Structure formats: C-alpha cells, structure tokens
C-alpha cells in the first residue's frame, strides 16, 4: 500500500469531497466522473490519500474547484 498523502492539494480535495466530514453528493458525482477519465476509475478516498496519485491532485483541483 502506498504512503498516505499529506499535501495541501490532498487536503483541499478532501474538503471538496467531504466538507465538514460529510460527503457532498454533487461534488462526489463530479469527482467520480473525473476519476473515471483521468485516474483509471480509482475510488475517491484512494485517490485523495495515496501518494501514488499526488501528481494528479493539482489537475483535479483545477478542474473540480472553480
């Protein structure tokens, strides 16, 4: 298993997905759609927390958080 990512980008993505600790369904839907196209369909939590995906975090932020 990859190391846990602790970057500011991963924290921002988590805040987008789960503001105040509760999943925002609209954000989850758009995040999942982005992951299908750009991250081999990996699940949201794995994408956010895995260092394997850190290079794609900034790209996801720029598209998802406008």
Protein backbone atom coordinates (compact mmCIF):
# COMPACT_ATOMS: atom_id res chain seq x y z
CA UNK A 1 0.00 0.00 0.00
CA UNK A 2 1.22 3.49 -0.83
CA UNK A 3 2.11 6.04 1.78
CA UNK A 4 -0.62 8.44 2.86
CA UNK A 5 -0.52 11.79 1.10
CA UNK A 6 -0.47 14.80 3.38
CA UNK A 7 -0.17 17.57 0.78
CA UNK A 8 -2.25 20.72 0.75
CA UNK A 9 -3.80 19.53 -2.52
CA UNK A 10 -4.99 16.27 -0.97
CA UNK A 11 -6.44 18.21 1.98
CA UNK A 12 -8.25 20.57 -0.42
CA UNK A 13 -9.68 17.64 -2.39
CA UNK A 14 -10.90 16.01 0.81
CA UNK A 15 -12.57 19.29 1.80
CA UNK A 16 -14.23 19.46 -1.61
CA UNK A 17 -15.47 15.87 -1.37
CA UNK A 18 -16.37 15.85 2.35
CA UNK A 19 -16.88 19.37 3.65
CA UNK A 20 -17.30 19.28 7.46
CA UNK A 21 -16.82 15.48 7.31
CA UNK A 22 -19.99 14.77 5.32
CA UNK A 23 -19.92 13.66 1.68
CA UNK A 24 -21.27 16.31 -0.68
CA UNK A 25 -23.17 14.16 -3.20
CA UNK A 26 -22.91 16.66 -6.06
CA UNK A 27 -19.16 17.01 -5.58
CA UNK A 28 -18.74 13.24 -5.22
CA UNK A 29 -20.53 12.69 -8.53
CA UNK A 30 -18.34 15.16 -10.44
CA UNK A 31 -15.20 13.86 -8.70
CA UNK A 32 -16.05 10.26 -9.63
CA UNK A 33 -16.66 11.25 -13.25
CA UNK A 34 -13.26 12.99 -13.35
CA UNK A 35 -11.58 9.92 -11.84
CA UNK A 36 -13.14 7.65 -14.47
CA UNK A 37 -11.49 9.69 -17.22
CA UNK A 38 -8.19 10.63 -15.61
CA UNK A 39 -7.30 8.11 -12.89
CA UNK A 40 -8.35 4.69 -14.14
CA UNK A 41 -11.58 4.87 -12.13
CA UNK A 42 -9.88 4.61 -8.75
CA UNK A 43 -12.19 5.44 -5.84
CA UNK A 44 -12.18 8.93 -4.34
CA UNK A 45 -10.67 8.07 -0.97
CA UNK A 46 -7.81 6.11 -2.52
CA UNK A 47 -7.09 8.91 -4.98
CA UNK A 48 -7.01 11.56 -2.27
CA UNK A 49 -4.96 9.65 0.27
CA UNK A 50 -2.47 7.71 -1.84
CA UNK A 51 0.91 9.23 -2.69
CA UNK A 52 0.67 7.27 -5.95
CA UNK A 53 -1.74 9.92 -7.24
CA UNK A 54 -0.14 13.11 -5.89
CA UNK A 55 0.89 14.32 -9.35
CA UNK A 56 -2.76 14.37 -10.44
CA UNK A 57 -4.11 16.16 -7.35
CA UNK A 58 -3.40 19.67 -8.67
CA UNK A 59 -5.03 18.85 -12.00
CA UNK A 60 -8.12 17.53 -10.24
CA UNK A 61 -8.28 20.66 -8.09
CA UNK A 62 -8.08 22.97 -11.09
CA UNK A 63 -10.95 21.19 -12.81
CA UNK A 64 -13.22 20.40 -9.87
CA UNK A 65 -12.87 23.51 -7.73
CA UNK A 66 -13.77 26.58 -9.75
